[in-house]
Amino acid sequence: MNDSPSSAPLPPGTLPAQATLREALAAMTQAGLPALEARMLLTHVTGLSRTQLITRDTQPLDAAQHDALAALLARRLAGEPMAYLVGEREFYGRPFRVSPAVLIPRPDTEIAVQAALARLTGTQAPRVLDLGTGSGILAVTLACERPDARVWATDISPAALDIARANAAALGAGNVVFLESDWYAALPADARFTMIVSNPPYIAAGDPHLSSGDLRFEPVDALTDHGDGLSDLATIVAGAGPHLQAGGWLLMEHGFDQGEAARQLLRDAGFGSVFTERDLGGNERCSGGRWPGGDAGVDTAGARSER
């Protein structure tokens, strides 16, 4: 029996010294990482493609790569989201840079993009405002999908705005103006928009989801209003009128159980054509309405609409 230290079992989650790509991948999967995540971390650290990970699997990690991979593995095993580890998440078919300063883009938010684009159909050179832009996924995606649009994006967080600006630059969205602002506060008084969109904090304080899963690592002020989850939605609705053109639209993402409350806020503020779109799981996820004036507008097929 060989009792040398080199043959002793490694602690769970430990990478062997001088590991090859194959050995590093095996160690990560044995530690409990799904193979896809292990390959993503290896690709991120080495700069190799997934094909190269296979064709060069006997290639050893250098010291810097080994240490970087070991650190990322430990963070992932502690539950930190993959998006923060690799610094990127895809949204609407485009790669967006992310950091712990911003929320991680989620597929359900693509519903808001689809709803916005449907209601901008036929409008030439629309002016769009994204409130609380975070990483910029709404503003930048709409700017890319509608190059003729003029998009403004606000956020109260300078760190978030840095991420959003980087995403706009990387994706060629030169038609976005970024502004540090607490909702509408820093906007010119005469600024008017064809559409206002927002994915504001809407989780109620004390919600157990805030202390579980990925949400543990995301910026809490971007998740919750520290109240009932409706106060920021109410602020956005209340301030929208002075910044909407006649017939302009307001669209907001909200919690799965907040659809009726969001619709009531819109109706009470004087919006018409009030609607709610459902997310990929069938939950009410995005509600909006139209400011008085303009023509009859567009109602997306399948949306719940209340006039």
Protein backbone atom coordinates (compact mmCIF):
# COMPACT_ATOMS: atom_id res chain seq x y z
CA MET A 1 0.00 0.00 0.00
CA ASN A 2 1.31 3.40 -0.96
CA ASP A 3 0.70 5.97 1.78
CA SER A 4 2.46 8.86 0.01
CA PRO A 5 0.64 12.21 0.12
CA SER A 6 0.34 12.24 -3.69
CA SER A 7 -1.95 9.20 -3.65
CA ALA A 8 -4.16 10.36 -0.78
CA PRO A 9 -7.74 11.27 -1.72
CA LEU A 10 -8.26 14.97 -2.34
CA PRO A 11 -10.80 16.87 -0.25
CA PRO A 12 -14.09 17.43 -2.10
CA GLY A 13 -13.90 20.43 -4.42
CA THR A 14 -10.10 20.42 -4.55
CA LEU A 15 -8.28 20.52 -7.86
CA PRO A 16 -5.23 18.24 -8.15
CA ALA A 17 -1.92 20.03 -8.51
CA GLN A 18 -0.63 20.28 -12.08
CA ALA A 19 -3.99 19.03 -13.34
CA THR A 20 -4.64 18.48 -17.01
CA LEU A 21 -7.85 19.80 -18.53
CA ARG A 22 -9.34 16.31 -18.32
CA GLU A 23 -8.37 15.92 -14.66
CA ALA A 24 -9.70 19.37 -13.79
CA LEU A 25 -13.02 18.60 -15.46
CA ALA A 26 -13.26 15.27 -13.63
CA ALA A 27 -12.43 16.88 -10.27
CA MET A 28 -15.13 19.52 -10.71
CA THR A 29 -17.83 17.04 -11.69
CA GLN A 30 -16.84 14.76 -8.80
CA ALA A 31 -17.26 17.77 -6.50
CA GLY A 32 -20.87 18.01 -7.64
CA LEU A 33 -20.72 20.53 -10.48
CA PRO A 34 -22.80 19.71 -13.56
CA ALA A 35 -20.56 18.92 -16.52
CA LEU A 36 -21.87 21.94 -18.45
CA GLU A 37 -20.93 24.33 -15.64
CA ALA A 38 -17.51 22.70 -15.28
CA ARG A 39 -16.84 23.19 -18.99
CA MET A 40 -18.03 26.80 -18.78
CA LEU A 41 -15.56 27.53 -15.98
CA LEU A 42 -12.73 25.83 -17.87
CA THR A 43 -13.56 27.78 -21.02
CA HIS A 44 -13.68 31.02 -19.03
CA VAL A 45 -10.32 30.44 -17.33
CA THR A 46 -8.37 29.04 -20.30
CA GLY A 47 -9.93 30.94 -23.18
CA LEU A 48 -10.29 27.65 -25.06
CA SER A 49 -13.43 26.65 -26.94
CA ARG A 50 -15.44 23.63 -25.86
CA THR A 51 -14.03 21.72 -28.83
CA GLN A 52 -10.48 22.61 -27.78
CA LEU A 53 -11.18 21.36 -24.26
CA ILE A 54 -11.73 17.95 -25.84
CA THR A 55 -8.90 17.96 -28.38
CA ARG A 56 -6.38 19.29 -25.85
CA ASP A 57 -7.63 17.44 -22.79
CA THR A 58 -4.13 16.30 -21.77
CA GLN A 59 -2.88 19.89 -21.71
CA PRO A 60 -1.98 20.94 -18.14
CA LEU A 61 -3.31 24.05 -16.51
CA ASP A 62 -0.66 26.62 -15.76
CA ALA A 63 -0.35 27.90 -12.20
CA ALA A 64 -2.45 31.01 -12.77
CA GLN A 65 -5.21 29.03 -14.48
CA HIS A 66 -5.18 26.42 -11.70
CA ASP A 67 -5.53 29.04 -8.97
CA ALA A 68 -8.24 30.95 -10.84
CA LEU A 69 -10.22 27.77 -11.51
CA ALA A 70 -9.89 26.60 -7.90
CA ALA A 71 -11.23 29.94 -6.67
CA LEU A 72 -14.16 29.86 -9.09
CA LEU A 73 -14.96 26.27 -8.14
CA ALA A 74 -15.08 27.18 -4.45
CA ARG A 75 -17.37 30.13 -5.15
CA ARG A 76 -19.70 28.01 -7.27
CA LEU A 77 -19.86 25.26 -4.66
CA ALA A 78 -20.84 27.97 -2.17
CA GLY A 79 -23.81 28.78 -4.41
CA GLU A 80 -22.60 31.89 -6.24
CA PRO A 81 -24.38 32.19 -9.61
CA MET A 82 -22.52 31.09 -12.72
CA ALA A 83 -23.33 34.39 -14.41
CA TYR A 84 -21.27 36.29 -11.84
CA LEU A 85 -18.40 33.80 -12.06
CA VAL A 86 -18.04 34.08 -15.83
CA GLY A 87 -19.26 37.69 -15.96
CA GLU A 88 -21.85 37.14 -18.66
CA ARG A 89 -25.41 35.98 -19.34
CA GLU A 90 -27.30 35.76 -22.61
CA PHE A 91 -30.48 37.77 -23.06
CA TYR A 92 -32.61 37.92 -26.20
CA GLY A 93 -29.84 36.19 -28.12
CA ARG A 94 -27.09 38.62 -27.08
CA PRO A 95 -24.32 38.30 -24.48
CA PHE A 96 -24.62 40.81 -21.64
CA ARG A 97 -21.87 41.56 -19.17
CA VAL A 98 -22.98 41.20 -15.55
CA SER A 99 -21.46 41.69 -12.11
CA PRO A 100 -22.77 41.59 -8.53
CA ALA A 101 -23.71 45.26 -9.06
CA VAL A 102 -26.63 44.23 -11.30
CA LEU A 103 -29.35 41.61 -11.45
CA ILE A 104 -28.77 38.51 -13.55
CA PRO A 105 -30.89 38.64 -16.74
CA ARG A 106 -33.72 36.13 -16.75
CA PRO A 107 -35.63 34.62 -19.67
CA ASP A 108 -38.99 35.81 -18.31
CA THR A 109 -37.92 39.43 -18.82
CA GLU A 110 -37.82 38.75 -22.57
CA ILE A 111 -41.63 38.87 -22.35
CA ALA A 112 -41.35 42.60 -21.62
CA VAL A 113 -39.16 43.08 -24.70
CA GLN A 114 -41.66 41.27 -26.90
CA ALA A 115 -44.56 43.29 -25.48
CA ALA A 116 -42.67 46.54 -26.03
CA LEU A 117 -41.67 45.74 -29.61
CA ALA A 118 -45.23 44.73 -30.48
CA ARG A 119 -46.55 48.08 -29.28
CA LEU A 120 -43.86 50.03 -31.10
CA THR A 121 -44.79 48.44 -34.42
CA GLY A 122 -45.62 51.13 -36.95
CA THR A 123 -44.08 53.92 -34.86
CA GLN A 124 -41.18 55.62 -36.61
CA ALA A 125 -38.17 56.75 -34.54
CA PRO A 126 -39.77 56.01 -31.15
CA ARG A 127 -38.43 57.56 -27.97
CA VAL A 128 -38.09 54.97 -25.21
CA LEU A 129 -37.25 55.39 -21.51
CA ASP A 130 -35.97 52.46 -19.42
CA LEU A 131 -36.25 53.18 -15.70
CA GLY A 132 -33.84 51.29 -13.42
CA THR A 133 -31.89 49.85 -16.33
CA GLY A 134 -29.44 47.71 -14.30
CA SER A 135 -27.24 45.88 -16.80
CA GLY A 136 -29.14 47.57 -19.62
CA ILE A 137 -30.90 44.50 -20.98
CA LEU A 138 -34.16 46.28 -21.77
CA ALA A 139 -32.67 49.52 -23.06
CA VAL A 140 -29.90 47.93 -25.10
CA THR A 141 -32.08 45.16 -26.51
CA LEU A 142 -34.75 47.61 -27.63
CA ALA A 143 -32.07 49.87 -29.09
CA CYS A 144 -30.59 46.96 -31.04
CA GLU A 145 -33.97 45.69 -32.22
CA ARG A 146 -35.07 49.21 -33.18
CA PRO A 147 -31.99 51.06 -34.44
CA ASP A 148 -34.22 54.02 -35.33
CA ALA A 149 -35.22 54.45 -31.68
CA ARG A 150 -33.78 57.00 -29.29
CA VAL A 151 -33.48 55.26 -25.92
CA TRP A 152 -32.84 56.81 -22.51
CA ALA A 153 -31.84 54.58 -19.61
CA THR A 154 -31.70 55.63 -15.96
CA ASP A 155 -30.40 54.01 -12.80
CA ILE A 156 -29.61 55.27 -9.33
CA SER A 157 -26.49 53.07 -9.18
CA PRO A 158 -23.31 54.38 -10.85
CA ALA A 159 -21.88 50.84 -10.83
CA ALA A 160 -24.91 49.52 -12.68
CA LEU A 161 -24.66 52.31 -15.23
CA ASP A 162 -21.02 51.41 -15.88
CA ILE A 163 -22.12 47.85 -16.72
CA ALA A 164 -24.98 49.09 -18.90
CA ARG A 165 -22.72 51.47 -20.82
CA ALA A 166 -20.22 48.66 -21.42
CA ASN A 167 -23.00 46.45 -22.77
CA ALA A 168 -24.26 49.17 -25.08
CA ALA A 169 -20.76 49.72 -26.43
CA ALA A 170 -20.06 46.01 -26.88
CA LEU A 171 -23.34 45.43 -28.70
CA GLY A 172 -23.13 48.52 -30.88
CA ALA A 173 -26.12 50.29 -29.34
CA GLY A 174 -25.04 53.85 -29.94
CA ASN A 175 -28.61 55.12 -29.69
CA VAL A 176 -28.83 54.89 -25.89
CA VAL A 177 -28.35 57.80 -23.49
CA PHE A 178 -27.54 56.84 -19.88
CA LEU A 179 -28.46 59.02 -16.93
CA GLU A 180 -27.93 58.60 -13.20
CA SER A 181 -31.35 59.20 -11.72
CA ASP A 182 -33.75 58.10 -8.99
CA TRP A 183 -36.57 57.10 -11.35
CA TYR A 184 -37.71 60.31 -13.10
CA ALA A 185 -35.87 62.77 -10.83
CA ALA A 186 -33.00 63.78 -13.15
CA LEU A 187 -35.00 63.82 -16.39
CA PRO A 188 -35.63 67.17 -18.07
CA ALA A 189 -39.13 68.33 -17.22
CA ASP A 190 -40.08 68.48 -20.90
CA ALA A 191 -38.76 65.00 -21.80
CA ARG A 192 -41.55 63.00 -23.48
CA PHE A 193 -41.41 59.39 -24.61
CA THR A 194 -43.32 57.04 -26.86
CA MET A 195 -42.85 54.30 -24.29
CA ILE A 196 -41.59 53.83 -20.74
CA VAL A 197 -40.40 50.37 -19.67
CA SER A 198 -39.14 49.17 -16.32
CA ASN A 199 -38.18 46.06 -14.39
CA PRO A 200 -38.21 47.62 -10.90
CA PRO A 201 -37.68 46.03 -7.48
CA TYR A 202 -40.93 44.23 -6.73
CA ILE A 203 -40.15 41.56 -4.13
CA ALA A 204 -41.64 42.36 -0.73
CA ALA A 205 -39.33 42.77 2.25
CA GLY A 206 -39.15 39.56 4.23
CA ASP A 207 -39.92 37.33 1.26
CA PRO A 208 -38.01 34.08 1.91
CA HIS A 209 -36.80 33.99 -1.70
CA LEU A 210 -34.46 36.89 -0.90
CA SER A 211 -32.35 34.58 1.26
CA SER A 212 -32.27 31.59 -1.05
CA GLY A 213 -30.78 30.59 -4.40
CA ASP A 214 -29.18 33.14 -6.69
CA LEU A 215 -31.02 36.02 -5.01
CA ARG A 216 -28.68 35.75 -2.00
CA PHE A 217 -25.90 37.12 -4.20
CA GLU A 218 -27.79 39.75 -6.19
CA PRO A 219 -28.03 43.44 -5.19
CA VAL A 220 -30.84 43.60 -2.66
CA ASP A 221 -31.88 47.15 -3.60
CA ALA A 222 -32.55 45.94 -7.15
CA LEU A 223 -34.75 43.12 -5.85
CA THR A 224 -36.91 44.67 -3.15
CA ASP A 225 -38.42 48.05 -2.34
CA HIS A 226 -37.97 47.14 1.35
CA GLY A 227 -41.75 47.41 1.67
CA ASP A 228 -44.75 45.61 0.22
CA GLY A 229 -43.19 45.15 -3.22
CA LEU A 230 -45.58 47.60 -4.87
CA SER A 231 -44.18 51.00 -3.88
CA ASP A 232 -41.75 51.33 -6.80
CA LEU A 233 -44.41 50.17 -9.25
CA ALA A 234 -46.71 52.84 -7.81
CA THR A 235 -44.00 55.51 -8.10
CA ILE A 236 -43.36 54.63 -11.75
CA VAL A 237 -47.06 54.71 -12.63
CA ALA A 238 -47.65 57.99 -10.79
CA GLY A 239 -44.77 59.74 -12.53
CA ALA A 240 -45.29 58.40 -16.03
CA GLY A 241 -47.97 60.77 -17.34
CA PRO A 242 -45.85 63.93 -17.54
CA HIS A 243 -43.18 62.02 -19.48
CA LEU A 244 -45.39 60.18 -21.97
CA GLN A 245 -46.48 61.44 -25.35
CA ALA A 246 -50.20 61.28 -26.07
CA GLY A 247 -50.99 57.63 -26.67
CA GLY A 248 -47.67 56.52 -25.19
CA TRP A 249 -47.24 53.19 -23.44
CA LEU A 250 -46.02 52.22 -19.96
CA LEU A 251 -44.85 48.61 -19.46
CA MET A 252 -43.61 47.16 -16.16
CA GLU A 253 -42.39 43.74 -15.07
CA HIS A 254 -43.81 42.59 -11.72
CA GLY A 255 -44.21 39.59 -9.45
CA PHE A 256 -46.31 36.58 -10.41
CA ASP A 257 -48.99 37.57 -7.90
CA GLN A 258 -48.99 41.32 -8.58
CA GLY A 259 -50.83 41.44 -11.90
CA GLU A 260 -54.15 42.68 -10.55
CA ALA A 261 -52.46 45.26 -8.32
CA ALA A 262 -50.41 46.54 -11.28
CA ARG A 263 -53.51 46.78 -13.47
CA GLN A 264 -55.36 48.68 -10.75
CA LEU A 265 -52.49 51.14 -10.41
CA LEU A 266 -52.61 51.77 -14.15
CA ARG A 267 -56.40 52.17 -14.28
CA ASP A 268 -56.42 54.51 -11.28
CA ALA A 269 -53.78 56.69 -12.96
CA GLY A 270 -55.90 57.06 -16.10
CA PHE A 271 -54.26 54.53 -18.41
CA GLY A 272 -56.36 52.70 -20.97
CA SER A 273 -55.81 49.49 -22.96
CA VAL A 274 -54.52 47.95 -19.74
CA PHE A 275 -53.03 44.50 -20.33
CA THR A 276 -50.98 41.76 -18.72
CA GLU A 277 -48.60 39.34 -20.44
CA ARG A 278 -47.76 35.93 -18.99
CA ASP A 279 -44.24 34.55 -18.68
CA LEU A 280 -42.84 31.22 -19.85
CA GLY A 281 -44.33 29.51 -16.80
CA GLY A 282 -47.80 30.92 -17.40
CA ASN A 283 -47.54 33.49 -14.59
CA GLU A 284 -48.65 37.11 -14.93
CA ARG A 285 -45.33 38.91 -15.39
CA CYS A 286 -45.62 42.17 -17.34
CA SER A 287 -48.44 44.72 -17.25
CA GLY A 288 -48.94 47.98 -19.04
CA GLY A 289 -51.31 50.54 -20.36
CA ARG A 290 -51.70 53.44 -22.76
CA TRP A 291 -51.74 57.09 -21.84
CA PRO A 292 -54.77 58.98 -23.19
CA GLY A 293 -54.56 60.35 -26.73
CA GLY A 294 -53.31 58.89 -29.99
CA ASP A 295 -54.96 56.14 -32.01
CA ALA A 296 -56.30 52.79 -30.87
CA GLY A 297 -52.85 51.26 -30.79
CA VAL A 298 -51.73 47.66 -30.81
CA ASP A 299 -52.88 44.90 -28.49
CA THR A 300 -50.68 41.82 -28.60
CA ALA A 301 -52.51 38.62 -29.48
CA GLY A 302 -52.94 36.46 -26.41
CA ALA A 303 -52.46 39.30 -23.92
CA ARG A 304 -55.00 39.90 -21.21
CA SER A 305 -56.41 43.33 -22.05
CA GLU A 306 -58.85 45.41 -20.03
CA ARG A 307 -60.23 48.61 -21.50
